[in-house]
Amino acid sequence: MIRLVDAVADPAAARAAALDEFRSGGLVVLPTETVYGLAVLPSEPSAVDAMFRRKGRSENRPVAVLVADVDQARTLVEPGPAFELLAAAFWPGPLTVVTTRGVGFSARLGGDQATVGVRCPDHELVRALAAEVGPLAVTSAHRSGHPTEAHARSVAEALGGDLLVLEGGPCSGAAATVVDVTTDPARVLRAGSIGREALTGIGLVLNDD
């Protein structure tokens, strides 16, 4: 069964339903400024496992963490000059920064345990949820290898149903740019709506790949 809550018409009800679902170890489909995401609490290993199964995603491929603000991000990472530069320039927004994990953040999110991708989204509801319940592990809400769906119900059906879905209208924005700052110079791991010119325009040094 798909439980659909209209996050546009009743954001308070959507927020309350999502918080309950996260706290019970569940999965939530939610809108972002890019595409719909499938979200769980990273502190719930069984929920993280369920996310990977729903997605059909290899555990060699990590998922990102969405945060309420830069201060919350700093609780997860070892902030450095490149991280601070990017966060100040582009957050909230469609930029994921891959950087070194901070001491104490050991959630298993796929990939290695030394780094984590963090993003502060330009979406008020998602930031409010993260502020209330903590950082959220989020992956784009579609089966690996399949097209991304723009509509909430289609997203949930593609993932097998039996999900709480926050309906936020069509979500079909460009993918978030992913930048790895664990190397010097930094590397663009995925091109997105924030281009190289914008990145170098703030003084970030990028490799030539």
Protein backbone atom coordinates (compact mmCIF):
# COMPACT_ATOMS: atom_id res chain seq x y z
CA MET A 1 0.00 0.00 0.00
CA ILE A 2 1.25 3.47 -0.88
CA ARG A 3 0.58 6.06 1.83
CA LEU A 4 0.50 9.40 0.05
CA VAL A 5 0.63 12.65 2.04
CA ASP A 6 0.36 15.95 0.18
CA ALA A 7 3.38 17.94 1.35
CA VAL A 8 2.27 21.02 -0.60
CA ALA A 9 -1.29 21.24 0.73
CA ASP A 10 -0.45 20.09 4.26
CA PRO A 11 3.28 20.34 5.02
CA ALA A 12 2.70 19.90 8.75
CA ALA A 13 0.99 16.54 8.22
CA ALA A 14 3.73 15.46 5.81
CA ARG A 15 6.41 16.40 8.30
CA ALA A 16 4.69 14.58 11.17
CA ALA A 17 4.15 11.43 9.10
CA ALA A 18 7.75 11.39 7.92
CA LEU A 19 9.15 11.88 11.41
CA ASP A 20 7.08 8.98 12.72
CA GLU A 21 8.23 6.77 9.85
CA PHE A 22 11.91 7.62 10.30
CA ARG A 23 11.75 7.05 14.05
CA SER A 24 10.18 3.64 13.52
CA GLY A 25 13.01 2.63 11.17
CA GLY A 26 11.02 3.12 7.97
CA LEU A 27 11.70 4.49 4.51
CA VAL A 28 10.23 7.70 3.10
CA VAL A 29 9.96 8.95 -0.48
CA LEU A 30 10.37 12.71 -0.38
CA PRO A 31 10.73 15.59 -2.84
CA THR A 32 13.94 17.58 -3.27
CA GLU A 33 14.89 20.42 -5.58
CA THR A 34 16.34 17.85 -8.00
CA VAL A 35 14.45 14.52 -8.03
CA TYR A 36 12.46 12.44 -5.56
CA GLY A 37 14.65 10.74 -2.99
CA LEU A 38 14.35 7.55 -0.95
CA ALA A 39 15.37 8.47 2.58
CA VAL A 40 16.19 6.68 5.83
CA LEU A 41 17.98 7.43 9.06
CA PRO A 42 21.64 6.38 8.64
CA SER A 43 21.63 5.26 12.27
CA GLU A 44 19.15 2.47 11.37
CA PRO A 45 21.18 -0.31 9.67
CA SER A 46 18.08 -2.34 8.75
CA ALA A 47 16.55 0.71 7.06
CA VAL A 48 19.77 1.34 5.14
CA ASP A 49 19.75 -2.30 4.01
CA ALA A 50 16.14 -1.96 2.90
CA MET A 51 17.03 1.17 0.92
CA PHE A 52 19.73 -0.68 -1.00
CA ARG A 53 17.35 -3.58 -1.70
CA ARG A 54 14.56 -1.31 -2.92
CA LYS A 55 16.95 0.58 -5.14
CA GLY A 56 18.67 -2.56 -6.42
CA ARG A 57 21.90 -0.70 -5.73
CA SER A 58 25.31 -2.28 -5.26
CA GLU A 59 26.71 -1.75 -1.78
CA ASN A 60 29.94 -0.67 -3.47
CA ARG A 61 28.15 2.55 -4.46
CA PRO A 62 27.65 4.92 -1.52
CA VAL A 63 24.59 7.05 -0.88
CA ALA A 64 24.75 10.68 0.20
CA VAL A 65 23.57 12.30 3.41
CA LEU A 66 21.27 15.33 3.39
CA VAL A 67 21.61 17.83 6.23
CA ALA A 68 19.69 20.76 7.65
CA ASP A 69 22.60 23.21 7.49
CA VAL A 70 26.37 23.54 7.46
CA ASP A 71 26.63 23.13 11.22
CA GLN A 72 24.92 19.75 11.02
CA ALA A 73 27.22 18.74 8.17
CA ARG A 74 30.23 19.56 10.32
CA THR A 75 29.11 16.90 12.82
CA LEU A 76 29.61 14.27 10.10
CA VAL A 77 32.84 15.37 8.41
CA GLU A 78 36.32 16.70 8.97
CA PRO A 79 35.75 20.15 7.47
CA GLY A 80 38.56 21.67 5.47
CA PRO A 81 39.05 24.79 3.36
CA ALA A 82 37.56 23.32 0.16
CA PHE A 83 34.51 22.00 2.02
CA GLU A 84 33.90 25.34 3.70
CA LEU A 85 34.36 27.22 0.42
CA LEU A 86 31.81 25.07 -1.42
CA ALA A 87 29.26 25.04 1.41
CA ALA A 88 29.38 28.81 1.78
CA ALA A 89 28.94 29.37 -1.96
CA PHE A 90 26.39 26.76 -2.98
CA TRP A 91 24.38 25.56 0.03
CA PRO A 92 21.47 25.20 0.23
CA GLY A 93 21.58 23.83 -3.29
CA PRO A 94 22.25 20.94 -5.68
CA LEU A 95 25.85 20.23 -4.66
CA THR A 96 27.12 17.11 -2.90
CA VAL A 97 30.55 17.44 -1.32
CA VAL A 98 32.49 14.20 -0.80
CA THR A 99 34.93 14.63 2.04
CA THR A 100 36.58 12.80 4.95
CA ARG A 101 34.28 11.45 7.63
CA GLY A 102 34.48 12.89 11.08
CA VAL A 103 35.40 10.83 14.12
CA GLY A 104 32.32 9.01 15.39
CA PHE A 105 30.31 8.94 12.17
CA SER A 106 30.44 5.26 11.31
CA ALA A 107 27.11 4.65 9.56
CA ARG A 108 27.40 2.08 6.78
CA LEU A 109 26.23 3.84 3.63
CA GLY A 110 27.93 1.77 0.93
CA GLY A 111 31.40 2.29 -0.45
CA ASP A 112 34.28 2.94 1.89
CA GLN A 113 33.98 4.05 5.49
CA ALA A 114 36.54 6.84 5.21
CA THR A 115 34.48 9.36 3.22
CA VAL A 116 30.92 10.62 2.96
CA GLY A 117 28.96 12.71 0.46
CA VAL A 118 27.00 15.51 2.13
CA ARG A 119 24.46 17.94 0.72
CA CYS A 120 22.28 20.67 2.17
CA PRO A 121 19.28 20.71 -0.20
CA ASP A 122 17.40 23.77 -1.34
CA HIS A 123 14.15 22.28 -0.08
CA GLU A 124 12.58 23.60 3.10
CA LEU A 125 10.73 20.42 4.07
CA VAL A 126 13.80 18.19 3.75
CA ARG A 127 15.93 20.60 5.79
CA ALA A 128 13.20 20.78 8.44
CA LEU A 129 13.09 16.99 8.69
CA ALA A 130 16.87 16.78 9.02
CA ALA A 131 16.82 19.49 11.68
CA GLU A 132 14.25 17.52 13.68
CA VAL A 133 15.41 13.93 13.31
CA GLY A 134 19.05 14.24 12.21
CA PRO A 135 20.89 13.80 8.91
CA LEU A 136 19.14 11.64 6.33
CA ALA A 137 20.70 9.02 4.07
CA VAL A 138 19.10 9.65 0.68
CA THR A 139 19.38 8.16 -2.79
CA SER A 140 17.44 9.06 -5.93
CA ALA A 141 14.14 7.20 -5.79
CA HIS A 142 14.33 4.89 -8.77
CA ARG A 143 15.59 1.39 -9.45
CA SER A 144 19.24 1.31 -10.45
CA GLY A 145 19.54 1.31 -14.23
CA HIS A 146 15.99 2.61 -14.73
CA PRO A 147 14.80 6.13 -15.63
CA THR A 148 14.05 8.58 -12.86
CA GLU A 149 10.32 9.16 -12.34
CA ALA A 150 9.15 12.75 -11.85
CA HIS A 151 5.88 11.98 -10.01
CA ALA A 152 5.56 10.71 -6.46
CA ARG A 153 3.15 7.84 -7.04
CA SER A 154 5.10 6.56 -10.03
CA VAL A 155 8.26 6.67 -7.94
CA ALA A 156 6.69 4.58 -5.19
CA GLU A 157 5.25 2.05 -7.63
CA ALA A 158 8.64 1.65 -9.30
CA LEU A 159 10.17 0.89 -5.90
CA GLY A 160 7.60 -1.78 -5.07
CA GLY A 161 4.96 0.18 -3.16
CA ASP A 162 4.32 -0.15 0.59
CA LEU A 163 5.98 3.18 1.26
CA LEU A 164 5.21 6.52 2.84
CA VAL A 165 5.34 9.10 0.04
CA LEU A 166 5.43 12.86 0.50
CA GLU A 167 3.78 14.33 -2.60
CA GLY A 168 5.61 17.49 -3.59
CA GLY A 169 4.56 17.88 -7.21
CA PRO A 170 6.74 16.99 -10.22
CA CYS A 171 10.45 16.72 -9.42
CA SER A 172 12.64 16.64 -12.50
CA GLY A 173 15.48 19.03 -11.82
CA ALA A 174 19.03 18.50 -13.03
CA ALA A 175 21.12 16.12 -10.96
CA ALA A 176 23.18 17.52 -8.13
CA THR A 177 26.83 18.14 -8.94
CA VAL A 178 29.17 15.90 -6.93
CA VAL A 179 32.63 17.21 -6.01
CA ASP A 180 35.32 15.19 -4.22
CA VAL A 181 37.50 17.38 -2.01
CA THR A 182 39.51 14.50 -0.53
CA THR A 183 41.97 15.07 -3.38
CA ASP A 184 44.01 18.17 -4.19
CA PRO A 185 43.03 19.50 -6.64
CA ALA A 186 39.38 18.59 -6.17
CA ARG A 187 37.55 16.38 -8.67
CA VAL A 188 34.08 16.57 -10.20
CA LEU A 189 32.65 13.06 -9.79
CA ARG A 190 29.32 13.89 -11.43
CA ALA A 191 28.48 16.86 -13.58
CA GLY A 192 25.24 18.58 -12.65
CA SER A 193 23.49 21.91 -12.52
CA ILE A 194 26.51 23.62 -10.92
CA GLY A 195 29.16 23.64 -13.65
CA ARG A 196 32.94 23.79 -13.56
CA GLU A 197 32.95 27.49 -14.33
CA ALA A 198 30.85 28.22 -11.25
CA LEU A 199 33.08 26.00 -9.12
CA THR A 200 36.33 27.54 -10.26
CA GLY A 201 34.74 30.99 -10.10
CA ILE A 202 34.72 30.83 -6.30
CA GLY A 203 38.39 29.90 -6.21
CA LEU A 204 38.12 26.09 -6.08
CA VAL A 205 41.01 24.40 -7.86
CA LEU A 206 39.83 21.45 -9.97
CA ASN A 207 41.83 18.79 -11.77
CA ASP A 208 41.67 18.65 -15.56
CA ASP A 209 39.60 15.44 -15.86
